[in-house]
Amino acid sequence: MCSVELGRQEKETGADLRLSLKLFQKCQSDYQRYCKKVSPGNMRAQECLEDHIEESGFSAECKEELENMIAKRVANFSLDTALRDACASDLKNRCQHSLAEIDKDANVRESALNCLQTYKEELESDQCKSEVHRRMSRAGSNILFDEVLASACKDDRASLCSDVQPVGVMSSVDA
């Protein structure tokens, strides 16, 4: 029961900037600067902040917290509510996988995410296309932001690049 409750709370705090005290405190000024017209909830504020993360005036503490949150979301697909909501239909119709199947099996999840990336231009939902493109763009900045690539390269990263920490992501996050 405890792990279920913790998972529920993490989903809720990940979807609303106001519910994540750490993110809210570290990103309040950046939110006011870049996203004040974006209402919090359903990951809107976080995604707005993520879209501005490379701006020259973006604070280092907010960037670090956002990157840690992105890495957690990538490592745990159940936390990525925006992608899940936008792509549920495409995952089922195009990729032949339900969210329940994806949540139960890491191989199915990897296959489904690969499918979304492969068919990014043929997806039915424009919102899903947008979410997939957003995530692929972010993945270019840090390998841990692409679950499929991070998983495929994990052993090579450990043996060849063990002394290299992905930029902005704390060592406690391991994909």
N, C-alpha and C. Protein backbone atom coordinates (compact mmCIF):
# COMPACT_ATOMS: atom_id res chain seq x y z
N MET A 1 0.81 -1.20 0.00
CA MET A 1 0.00 0.00 0.00
C MET A 1 0.85 1.26 0.00
N CYS A 2 1.92 1.27 0.77
CA CYS A 2 2.77 2.45 0.87
C CYS A 2 3.37 2.81 -0.49
N SER A 3 3.89 1.80 -1.22
CA SER A 3 4.51 2.09 -2.52
C SER A 3 3.48 2.60 -3.52
N VAL A 4 2.25 2.11 -3.45
CA VAL A 4 1.18 2.58 -4.33
C VAL A 4 0.87 4.05 -4.03
N GLU A 5 0.78 4.38 -2.76
CA GLU A 5 0.51 5.76 -2.36
C GLU A 5 1.65 6.70 -2.76
N LEU A 6 2.89 6.25 -2.57
CA LEU A 6 4.04 7.06 -2.97
C LEU A 6 4.03 7.29 -4.49
N GLY A 7 3.70 6.26 -5.24
CA GLY A 7 3.60 6.39 -6.69
C GLY A 7 2.52 7.37 -7.10
N ARG A 8 1.37 7.30 -6.44
CA ARG A 8 0.27 8.23 -6.73
C ARG A 8 0.69 9.66 -6.44
N GLN A 9 1.35 9.86 -5.30
CA GLN A 9 1.79 11.21 -4.94
C GLN A 9 2.83 11.74 -5.92
N GLU A 10 3.73 10.88 -6.36
CA GLU A 10 4.75 11.31 -7.30
C GLU A 10 4.12 11.71 -8.64
N LYS A 11 3.09 10.97 -9.08
CA LYS A 11 2.39 11.34 -10.31
C LYS A 11 1.72 12.70 -10.16
N GLU A 12 1.06 12.90 -9.03
CA GLU A 12 0.38 14.17 -8.80
C GLU A 12 1.36 15.34 -8.75
N THR A 13 2.44 15.19 -8.00
CA THR A 13 3.39 16.30 -7.88
C THR A 13 4.11 16.54 -9.19
N GLY A 14 4.30 15.49 -9.98
CA GLY A 14 4.95 15.65 -11.28
C GLY A 14 4.07 16.34 -12.29
N ALA A 15 2.77 16.30 -12.10
CA ALA A 15 1.85 16.88 -13.06
C ALA A 15 1.49 18.33 -12.74
N ASP A 16 1.83 18.79 -11.55
CA ASP A 16 1.44 20.15 -11.16
C ASP A 16 2.59 20.82 -10.41
N LEU A 17 3.13 21.84 -11.00
CA LEU A 17 4.24 22.59 -10.43
C LEU A 17 4.00 23.00 -8.99
N ARG A 18 2.78 23.37 -8.66
CA ARG A 18 2.45 23.85 -7.32
C ARG A 18 2.54 22.77 -6.26
N LEU A 19 2.45 21.49 -6.67
CA LEU A 19 2.46 20.39 -5.71
C LEU A 19 3.86 19.85 -5.42
N SER A 20 4.82 20.26 -6.20
CA SER A 20 6.20 19.85 -5.97
C SER A 20 6.93 21.02 -5.31
N LEU A 21 7.02 20.99 -4.01
CA LEU A 21 7.58 22.10 -3.26
C LEU A 21 8.98 22.47 -3.74
N LYS A 22 9.82 21.48 -3.94
CA LYS A 22 11.20 21.72 -4.36
C LYS A 22 11.24 22.40 -5.74
N LEU A 23 10.49 21.87 -6.69
CA LEU A 23 10.45 22.46 -8.02
C LEU A 23 9.84 23.85 -7.98
N PHE A 24 8.77 24.00 -7.23
CA PHE A 24 8.09 25.29 -7.12
C PHE A 24 9.04 26.35 -6.57
N GLN A 25 9.76 26.01 -5.50
CA GLN A 25 10.67 26.98 -4.90
C GLN A 25 11.83 27.33 -5.82
N LYS A 26 12.40 26.35 -6.47
CA LYS A 26 13.56 26.59 -7.32
C LYS A 26 13.20 27.25 -8.65
N CYS A 27 11.96 27.11 -9.08
CA CYS A 27 11.59 27.57 -10.42
C CYS A 27 10.59 28.74 -10.42
N GLN A 28 10.24 29.24 -9.26
CA GLN A 28 9.23 30.30 -9.19
C GLN A 28 9.59 31.51 -10.06
N SER A 29 10.83 31.98 -9.97
CA SER A 29 11.21 33.17 -10.74
C SER A 29 11.23 32.86 -12.25
N ASP A 30 11.67 31.67 -12.63
CA ASP A 30 11.68 31.29 -14.04
C ASP A 30 10.25 31.14 -14.57
N TYR A 31 9.37 30.59 -13.73
CA TYR A 31 7.96 30.47 -14.11
C TYR A 31 7.38 31.86 -14.37
N GLN A 32 7.65 32.80 -13.47
CA GLN A 32 7.14 34.17 -13.64
C GLN A 32 7.73 34.82 -14.90
N ARG A 33 8.97 34.56 -15.18
CA ARG A 33 9.65 35.16 -16.33
C ARG A 33 9.17 34.57 -17.65
N TYR A 34 9.05 33.25 -17.73
CA TYR A 34 8.79 32.59 -19.02
C TYR A 34 7.39 32.03 -19.19
N CYS A 35 6.70 31.73 -18.10
CA CYS A 35 5.48 30.92 -18.23
C CYS A 35 4.29 31.47 -17.45
N LYS A 36 4.30 32.72 -17.05
CA LYS A 36 3.25 33.21 -16.17
C LYS A 36 1.85 33.14 -16.78
N LYS A 37 1.75 33.05 -18.10
CA LYS A 37 0.44 32.94 -18.75
C LYS A 37 -0.02 31.48 -18.88
N VAL A 38 0.83 30.56 -18.45
CA VAL A 38 0.52 29.12 -18.53
C VAL A 38 0.00 28.66 -17.17
N SER A 39 -1.23 28.14 -17.15
CA SER A 39 -1.76 27.66 -15.86
C SER A 39 -1.13 26.33 -15.47
N PRO A 40 -0.79 26.22 -14.18
CA PRO A 40 -0.24 24.95 -13.69
C PRO A 40 -1.27 23.82 -13.80
N GLY A 41 -0.80 22.61 -13.78
CA GLY A 41 -1.65 21.43 -13.87
C GLY A 41 -1.44 20.73 -15.20
N ASN A 42 -1.65 19.43 -15.20
CA ASN A 42 -1.48 18.60 -16.39
C ASN A 42 -0.12 18.80 -17.07
N MET A 43 0.89 19.08 -16.27
CA MET A 43 2.28 19.25 -16.71
C MET A 43 2.49 20.48 -17.60
N ARG A 44 1.51 21.35 -17.73
CA ARG A 44 1.66 22.52 -18.61
C ARG A 44 2.80 23.43 -18.16
N ALA A 45 2.86 23.75 -16.87
CA ALA A 45 3.90 24.66 -16.37
C ALA A 45 5.29 24.03 -16.51
N GLN A 46 5.41 22.75 -16.16
CA GLN A 46 6.70 22.09 -16.27
C GLN A 46 7.17 22.06 -17.72
N GLU A 47 6.26 21.73 -18.63
CA GLU A 47 6.65 21.66 -20.03
C GLU A 47 7.02 23.03 -20.57
N CYS A 48 6.34 24.06 -20.12
CA CYS A 48 6.71 25.41 -20.51
C CYS A 48 8.12 25.72 -20.02
N LEU A 49 8.37 25.42 -18.75
CA LEU A 49 9.72 25.65 -18.22
C LEU A 49 10.76 24.83 -18.98
N GLU A 50 10.44 23.59 -19.28
CA GLU A 50 11.36 22.74 -20.03
C GLU A 50 11.63 23.31 -21.41
N ASP A 51 10.62 23.92 -22.02
CA ASP A 51 10.80 24.53 -23.34
C ASP A 51 11.73 25.74 -23.30
N HIS A 52 11.88 26.34 -22.13
CA HIS A 52 12.74 27.52 -21.98
C HIS A 52 14.03 27.24 -21.24
N ILE A 53 14.31 25.99 -20.96
CA ILE A 53 15.43 25.61 -20.10
C ILE A 53 16.79 26.07 -20.63
N GLU A 54 16.92 26.25 -21.92
CA GLU A 54 18.20 26.66 -22.51
C GLU A 54 18.31 28.17 -22.72
N GLU A 55 17.30 28.93 -22.27
CA GLU A 55 17.36 30.39 -22.39
C GLU A 55 18.53 30.91 -21.54
N SER A 56 19.14 31.98 -21.99
CA SER A 56 20.34 32.49 -21.30
C SER A 56 20.06 32.96 -19.88
N GLY A 57 18.86 33.44 -19.58
CA GLY A 57 18.56 33.91 -18.24
C GLY A 57 17.94 32.87 -17.32
N PHE A 58 17.84 31.65 -17.78
CA PHE A 58 17.21 30.58 -16.98
C PHE A 58 18.11 30.23 -15.81
N SER A 59 17.55 30.09 -14.62
CA SER A 59 18.36 29.85 -13.42
C SER A 59 18.91 28.43 -13.39
N ALA A 60 20.13 28.32 -12.89
CA ALA A 60 20.81 27.02 -12.80
C ALA A 60 20.08 26.07 -11.86
N GLU A 61 19.54 26.59 -10.74
CA GLU A 61 18.88 25.72 -9.77
C GLU A 61 17.57 25.14 -10.34
N CYS A 62 16.85 25.93 -11.11
CA CYS A 62 15.63 25.42 -11.74
C CYS A 62 16.00 24.40 -12.81
N LYS A 63 17.01 24.73 -13.61
CA LYS A 63 17.44 23.81 -14.67
C LYS A 63 17.82 22.45 -14.09
N GLU A 64 18.59 22.46 -13.00
CA GLU A 64 19.01 21.21 -12.38
C GLU A 64 17.80 20.41 -11.88
N GLU A 65 16.88 21.08 -11.23
CA GLU A 65 15.70 20.39 -10.70
C GLU A 65 14.83 19.84 -11.84
N LEU A 66 14.66 20.63 -12.90
CA LEU A 66 13.88 20.16 -14.05
C LEU A 66 14.55 18.95 -14.71
N GLU A 67 15.86 19.01 -14.87
CA GLU A 67 16.56 17.89 -15.49
C GLU A 67 16.44 16.63 -14.65
N ASN A 68 16.48 16.77 -13.35
CA ASN A 68 16.28 15.60 -12.49
C ASN A 68 14.87 15.06 -12.63
N MET A 69 13.89 15.95 -12.73
CA MET A 69 12.50 15.54 -12.90
C MET A 69 12.30 14.84 -14.25
N ILE A 70 12.91 15.39 -15.30
CA ILE A 70 12.80 14.78 -16.63
C ILE A 70 13.39 13.37 -16.59
N ALA A 71 14.57 13.23 -15.99
CA ALA A 71 15.22 11.92 -15.93
C ALA A 71 14.36 10.91 -15.16
N LYS A 72 13.72 11.34 -14.07
CA LYS A 72 12.81 10.46 -13.33
C LYS A 72 11.62 10.06 -14.19
N ARG A 73 11.07 11.02 -14.92
CA ARG A 73 9.91 10.77 -15.77
C ARG A 73 10.28 9.79 -16.88
N VAL A 74 11.45 9.95 -17.45
CA VAL A 74 11.89 9.05 -18.51
C VAL A 74 12.11 7.64 -17.96
N ALA A 75 12.67 7.57 -16.76
CA ALA A 75 12.94 6.26 -16.16
C ALA A 75 11.67 5.56 -15.68
N ASN A 76 10.59 6.32 -15.46
CA ASN A 76 9.34 5.74 -14.97
C ASN A 76 8.19 6.29 -15.81
N PHE A 77 7.84 5.56 -16.86
CA PHE A 77 6.84 6.02 -17.83
C PHE A 77 5.50 6.37 -17.18
N SER A 78 5.17 5.75 -16.07
CA SER A 78 3.90 6.06 -15.42
C SER A 78 3.86 7.50 -14.93
N LEU A 79 5.02 8.14 -14.75
CA LEU A 79 5.07 9.54 -14.32
C LEU A 79 4.88 10.53 -15.47
N ASP A 80 5.01 10.06 -16.70
CA ASP A 80 4.91 10.95 -17.86
C ASP A 80 3.46 11.08 -18.30
N THR A 81 2.69 11.79 -17.48
CA THR A 81 1.25 11.88 -17.73
C THR A 81 0.92 12.59 -19.04
N ALA A 82 1.70 13.57 -19.43
CA ALA A 82 1.42 14.29 -20.68
C ALA A 82 1.56 13.36 -21.88
N LEU A 83 2.63 12.60 -21.93
CA LEU A 83 2.84 11.67 -23.05
C LEU A 83 1.81 10.55 -23.00
N ARG A 84 1.54 10.02 -21.83
CA ARG A 84 0.56 8.94 -21.68
C ARG A 84 -0.81 9.39 -22.18
N ASP A 85 -1.25 10.56 -21.71
CA ASP A 85 -2.57 11.06 -22.09
C ASP A 85 -2.65 11.36 -23.59
N ALA A 86 -1.61 11.99 -24.12
CA ALA A 86 -1.62 12.39 -25.53
C ALA A 86 -1.51 11.19 -26.47
N CYS A 87 -0.81 10.15 -26.04
CA CYS A 87 -0.48 9.06 -26.96
C CYS A 87 -1.18 7.73 -26.68
N ALA A 88 -2.09 7.68 -25.74
CA ALA A 88 -2.74 6.40 -25.40
C ALA A 88 -3.37 5.75 -26.64
N SER A 89 -4.06 6.54 -27.44
CA SER A 89 -4.71 6.01 -28.63
C SER A 89 -3.69 5.55 -29.68
N ASP A 90 -2.67 6.35 -29.93
CA ASP A 90 -1.64 5.97 -30.89
C ASP A 90 -0.86 4.75 -30.43
N LEU A 91 -0.61 4.66 -29.13
CA LEU A 91 0.08 3.48 -28.61
C LEU A 91 -0.74 2.22 -28.89
N LYS A 92 -2.04 2.33 -28.70
CA LYS A 92 -2.93 1.18 -28.91
C LYS A 92 -3.08 0.88 -30.41
N ASN A 93 -3.40 1.91 -31.20
CA ASN A 93 -3.72 1.70 -32.61
C ASN A 93 -2.49 1.51 -33.50
N ARG A 94 -1.47 2.31 -33.31
CA ARG A 94 -0.28 2.25 -34.16
C ARG A 94 0.73 1.22 -33.65
N CYS A 95 0.92 1.20 -32.33
CA CYS A 95 1.99 0.38 -31.75
C CYS A 95 1.50 -0.93 -31.16
N GLN A 96 0.17 -1.10 -31.10
CA GLN A 96 -0.43 -2.34 -30.62
C GLN A 96 -0.12 -2.66 -29.16
N HIS A 97 -0.03 -1.61 -28.33
CA HIS A 97 0.24 -1.80 -26.90
C HIS A 97 -0.68 -0.91 -26.07
N SER A 98 -1.24 -1.46 -25.03
CA SER A 98 -2.05 -0.67 -24.11
C SER A 98 -1.15 -0.10 -23.02
N LEU A 99 -1.63 0.93 -22.34
CA LEU A 99 -0.87 1.51 -21.24
C LEU A 99 -0.64 0.48 -20.14
N ALA A 100 -1.62 -0.37 -19.90
CA ALA A 100 -1.47 -1.41 -18.87
C ALA A 100 -0.34 -2.37 -19.22
N GLU A 101 -0.25 -2.77 -20.50
CA GLU A 101 0.84 -3.65 -20.93
C GLU A 101 2.20 -2.96 -20.79
N ILE A 102 2.23 -1.70 -21.15
CA ILE A 102 3.47 -0.92 -21.08
C ILE A 102 3.94 -0.80 -19.64
N ASP A 103 3.01 -0.58 -18.73
CA ASP A 103 3.35 -0.42 -17.32
C ASP A 103 3.87 -1.71 -16.70
N LYS A 104 3.45 -2.86 -17.22
CA LYS A 104 3.81 -4.15 -16.63
C LYS A 104 5.14 -4.70 -17.13
N ASP A 105 5.55 -4.32 -18.34
CA ASP A 105 6.69 -4.99 -18.96
C ASP A 105 7.64 -3.97 -19.58
N ALA A 106 8.89 -3.94 -19.11
CA ALA A 106 9.88 -2.98 -19.60
C ALA A 106 10.18 -3.18 -21.09
N ASN A 107 10.17 -4.43 -21.55
CA ASN A 107 10.41 -4.68 -22.98
C ASN A 107 9.29 -4.13 -23.84
N VAL A 108 8.05 -4.27 -23.38
CA VAL A 108 6.91 -3.72 -24.10
C VAL A 108 7.00 -2.20 -24.10
N ARG A 109 7.37 -1.62 -22.95
CA ARG A 109 7.51 -0.16 -22.86
C ARG A 109 8.56 0.34 -23.85
N GLU A 110 9.69 -0.33 -23.89
CA GLU A 110 10.76 0.08 -24.80
C GLU A 110 10.29 -0.03 -26.25
N SER A 111 9.61 -1.11 -26.57
CA SER A 111 9.08 -1.31 -27.91
C SER A 111 8.06 -0.23 -28.27
N ALA A 112 7.19 0.09 -27.34
CA ALA A 112 6.16 1.10 -27.58
C ALA A 112 6.76 2.49 -27.78
N LEU A 113 7.73 2.85 -26.95
CA LEU A 113 8.38 4.15 -27.08
C LEU A 113 9.18 4.23 -28.38
N ASN A 114 9.81 3.14 -28.73
CA ASN A 114 10.51 3.07 -30.02
C ASN A 114 9.54 3.26 -31.17
N CYS A 115 8.39 2.62 -31.06
CA CYS A 115 7.34 2.74 -32.08
C CYS A 115 6.90 4.20 -32.24
N LEU A 116 6.65 4.88 -31.12
CA LEU A 116 6.24 6.29 -31.19
C LEU A 116 7.29 7.13 -31.90
N GLN A 117 8.56 6.86 -31.61
CA GLN A 117 9.63 7.63 -32.25
C GLN A 117 9.74 7.29 -33.73
N THR A 118 9.61 6.01 -34.05
CA THR A 118 9.71 5.58 -35.44
C THR A 118 8.59 6.17 -36.30
N TYR A 119 7.37 6.20 -35.76
CA TYR A 119 6.21 6.67 -36.51
C TYR A 119 5.79 8.09 -36.12
N LYS A 120 6.74 8.88 -35.66
CA LYS A 120 6.42 10.22 -35.13
C LYS A 120 5.68 11.09 -36.13
N GLU A 121 5.86 10.90 -37.42
CA GLU A 121 5.16 11.71 -38.43
C GLU A 121 3.82 11.11 -38.84
N GLU A 122 3.61 9.83 -38.56
CA GLU A 122 2.37 9.16 -38.95
C GLU A 122 1.37 9.00 -37.80
N LEU A 123 1.69 9.51 -36.64
CA LEU A 123 0.79 9.38 -35.50
C LEU A 123 -0.50 10.13 -35.77
N GLU A 124 -1.62 9.58 -35.28
CA GLU A 124 -2.93 10.17 -35.53
C GLU A 124 -3.15 11.46 -34.76
N SER A 125 -2.73 11.48 -33.53
CA SER A 125 -2.96 12.62 -32.66
C SER A 125 -1.87 13.68 -32.82
N ASP A 126 -2.28 14.90 -33.15
CA ASP A 126 -1.31 15.99 -33.25
C ASP A 126 -0.66 16.26 -31.90
N GLN A 127 -1.41 16.10 -30.83
CA GLN A 127 -0.86 16.30 -29.50
C GLN A 127 0.21 15.25 -29.20
N CYS A 128 -0.03 14.01 -29.61
CA CYS A 128 0.96 12.96 -29.42
C CYS A 128 2.21 13.28 -30.24
N LYS A 129 2.03 13.67 -31.50
CA LYS A 129 3.18 14.06 -32.33
C LYS A 129 4.01 15.12 -31.64
N SER A 130 3.33 16.12 -31.11
CA SER A 130 4.01 17.22 -30.44
C SER A 130 4.79 16.73 -29.21
N GLU A 131 4.17 15.86 -28.41
CA GLU A 131 4.83 15.34 -27.21
C GLU A 131 6.04 14.48 -27.58
N VAL A 132 5.91 13.66 -28.62
CA VAL A 132 7.02 12.81 -29.05
C VAL A 132 8.16 13.68 -29.57
N HIS A 133 7.86 14.68 -30.37
CA HIS A 133 8.89 15.59 -30.88
C HIS A 133 9.57 16.34 -29.73
N ARG A 134 8.78 16.79 -28.77
CA ARG A 134 9.34 17.50 -27.61
C ARG A 134 10.34 16.61 -26.88
N ARG A 135 9.97 15.36 -26.64
CA ARG A 135 10.85 14.45 -25.91
C ARG A 135 12.09 14.08 -26.71
N MET A 136 11.94 13.91 -28.01
CA MET A 136 13.09 13.59 -28.85
C MET A 136 14.06 14.77 -28.89
N SER A 137 13.53 15.96 -28.92
CA SER A 137 14.38 17.15 -28.91
C SER A 137 15.16 17.25 -27.61
N ARG A 138 14.49 17.01 -26.49
CA ARG A 138 15.16 17.04 -25.18
C ARG A 138 16.20 15.94 -25.06
N ALA A 139 15.92 14.79 -25.66
CA ALA A 139 16.84 13.66 -25.57
C ALA A 139 18.19 14.00 -26.20
N GLY A 140 18.19 14.92 -27.15
CA GLY A 140 19.44 15.34 -27.77
C GLY A 140 20.38 16.04 -26.81
N SER A 141 19.86 16.55 -25.71
CA SER A 141 20.70 17.28 -24.76
C SER A 141 21.26 16.39 -23.66
N ASN A 142 20.67 15.21 -23.46
CA ASN A 142 21.12 14.34 -22.37
C ASN A 142 20.63 12.92 -22.65
N ILE A 143 21.53 11.97 -22.68
CA ILE A 143 21.17 10.58 -22.99
C ILE A 143 20.12 10.03 -22.03
N LEU A 144 20.11 10.51 -20.79
CA LEU A 144 19.15 10.00 -19.81
C LEU A 144 17.72 10.46 -20.10
N PHE A 145 17.55 11.37 -21.04
CA PHE A 145 16.22 11.83 -21.41
C PHE A 145 15.60 10.98 -22.51
N ASP A 146 16.29 9.94 -22.94
CA ASP A 146 15.77 9.00 -23.95
C ASP A 146 15.90 7.59 -23.36
N GLU A 147 14.80 7.05 -22.84
CA GLU A 147 14.84 5.76 -22.15
C GLU A 147 15.38 4.66 -23.03
N VAL A 148 14.97 4.61 -24.29
CA VAL A 148 15.39 3.53 -25.18
C VAL A 148 16.90 3.59 -25.39
N LEU A 149 17.42 4.77 -25.71
CA LEU A 149 18.85 4.92 -25.94
C LEU A 149 19.65 4.70 -24.66
N ALA A 150 19.19 5.28 -23.56
CA ALA A 150 19.90 5.12 -22.28
C ALA A 150 19.96 3.66 -21.88
N SER A 151 18.87 2.94 -22.07
CA SER A 151 18.84 1.52 -21.71
C SER A 151 19.76 0.71 -22.63
N ALA A 152 19.71 0.98 -23.92
CA ALA A 152 20.53 0.25 -24.88
C ALA A 152 22.02 0.49 -24.66
N CYS A 153 22.36 1.66 -24.17
CA CYS A 153 23.77 2.04 -24.01
C CYS A 153 24.27 1.95 -22.57
N LYS A 154 23.44 1.46 -21.65
CA LYS A 154 23.79 1.47 -20.24
C LYS A 154 25.11 0.76 -19.95
N ASP A 155 25.29 -0.45 -20.48
CA ASP A 155 26.53 -1.20 -20.23
C ASP A 155 27.74 -0.49 -20.83
N ASP A 156 27.60 0.03 -22.04
CA ASP A 156 28.71 0.76 -22.66
C ASP A 156 29.04 2.03 -21.89
N ARG A 157 28.02 2.74 -21.42
CA ARG A 157 28.27 3.94 -20.62
C ARG A 157 29.01 3.58 -19.35
N ALA A 158 28.62 2.47 -18.73
CA ALA A 158 29.26 2.06 -17.47
C ALA A 158 30.72 1.66 -17.70
N SER A 159 31.00 0.96 -18.77
CA SER A 159 32.38 0.49 -18.99
C SER A 159 33.26 1.53 -19.67
N LEU A 160 32.71 2.33 -20.56
CA LEU A 160 33.52 3.27 -21.32
C LEU A 160 33.49 4.70 -20.79
N CYS A 161 32.43 5.06 -20.09
CA CYS A 161 32.25 6.46 -19.69
C CYS A 161 31.88 6.60 -18.22
N SER A 162 32.35 5.70 -17.40
CA SER A 162 31.93 5.70 -16.00
C SER A 162 32.29 6.99 -15.27
N ASP A 163 33.30 7.69 -15.75
CA ASP A 163 33.73 8.93 -15.09
C ASP A 163 33.00 10.17 -15.63
N VAL A 164 32.08 9.96 -16.59
CA VAL A 164 31.36 11.08 -17.18
C VAL A 164 29.93 11.10 -16.66
N GLN A 165 29.58 12.18 -16.00
CA GLN A 165 28.22 12.36 -15.46
C GLN A 165 27.40 13.12 -16.50
N PRO A 166 26.20 12.63 -16.89
CA PRO A 166 25.36 13.40 -17.80
C PRO A 166 25.12 14.80 -17.24
N VAL A 167 25.15 15.78 -18.09
CA VAL A 167 25.04 17.17 -17.69
C VAL A 167 23.76 17.44 -16.93
N GLY A 168 23.90 18.08 -15.76
CA GLY A 168 22.75 18.55 -15.00
C GLY A 168 21.97 17.52 -14.23
N VAL A 169 22.32 16.26 -14.34
CA VAL A 169 21.54 15.22 -13.67
C VAL A 169 22.36 14.68 -12.51
N MET A 170 21.73 14.66 -11.35
CA MET A 170 22.40 14.19 -10.14
C MET A 170 22.72 12.71 -10.25
N SER A 171 23.77 12.27 -9.59
CA SER A 171 24.22 10.90 -9.69
C SER A 171 23.25 9.88 -9.14
N SER A 172 22.24 10.33 -8.38
CA SER A 172 21.27 9.38 -7.82
C SER A 172 20.31 8.86 -8.87
N VAL A 173 20.25 9.52 -10.02
CA VAL A 173 19.37 9.08 -11.09
C VAL A 173 20.17 8.16 -11.99
N ASP A 174 19.70 6.93 -12.19
CA ASP A 174 20.40 5.98 -13.03
C ASP A 174 19.42 5.36 -14.00
N ALA A 175 19.68 5.53 -15.27
CA ALA A 175 18.79 4.95 -16.28
C ALA A 175 19.41 3.71 -16.85
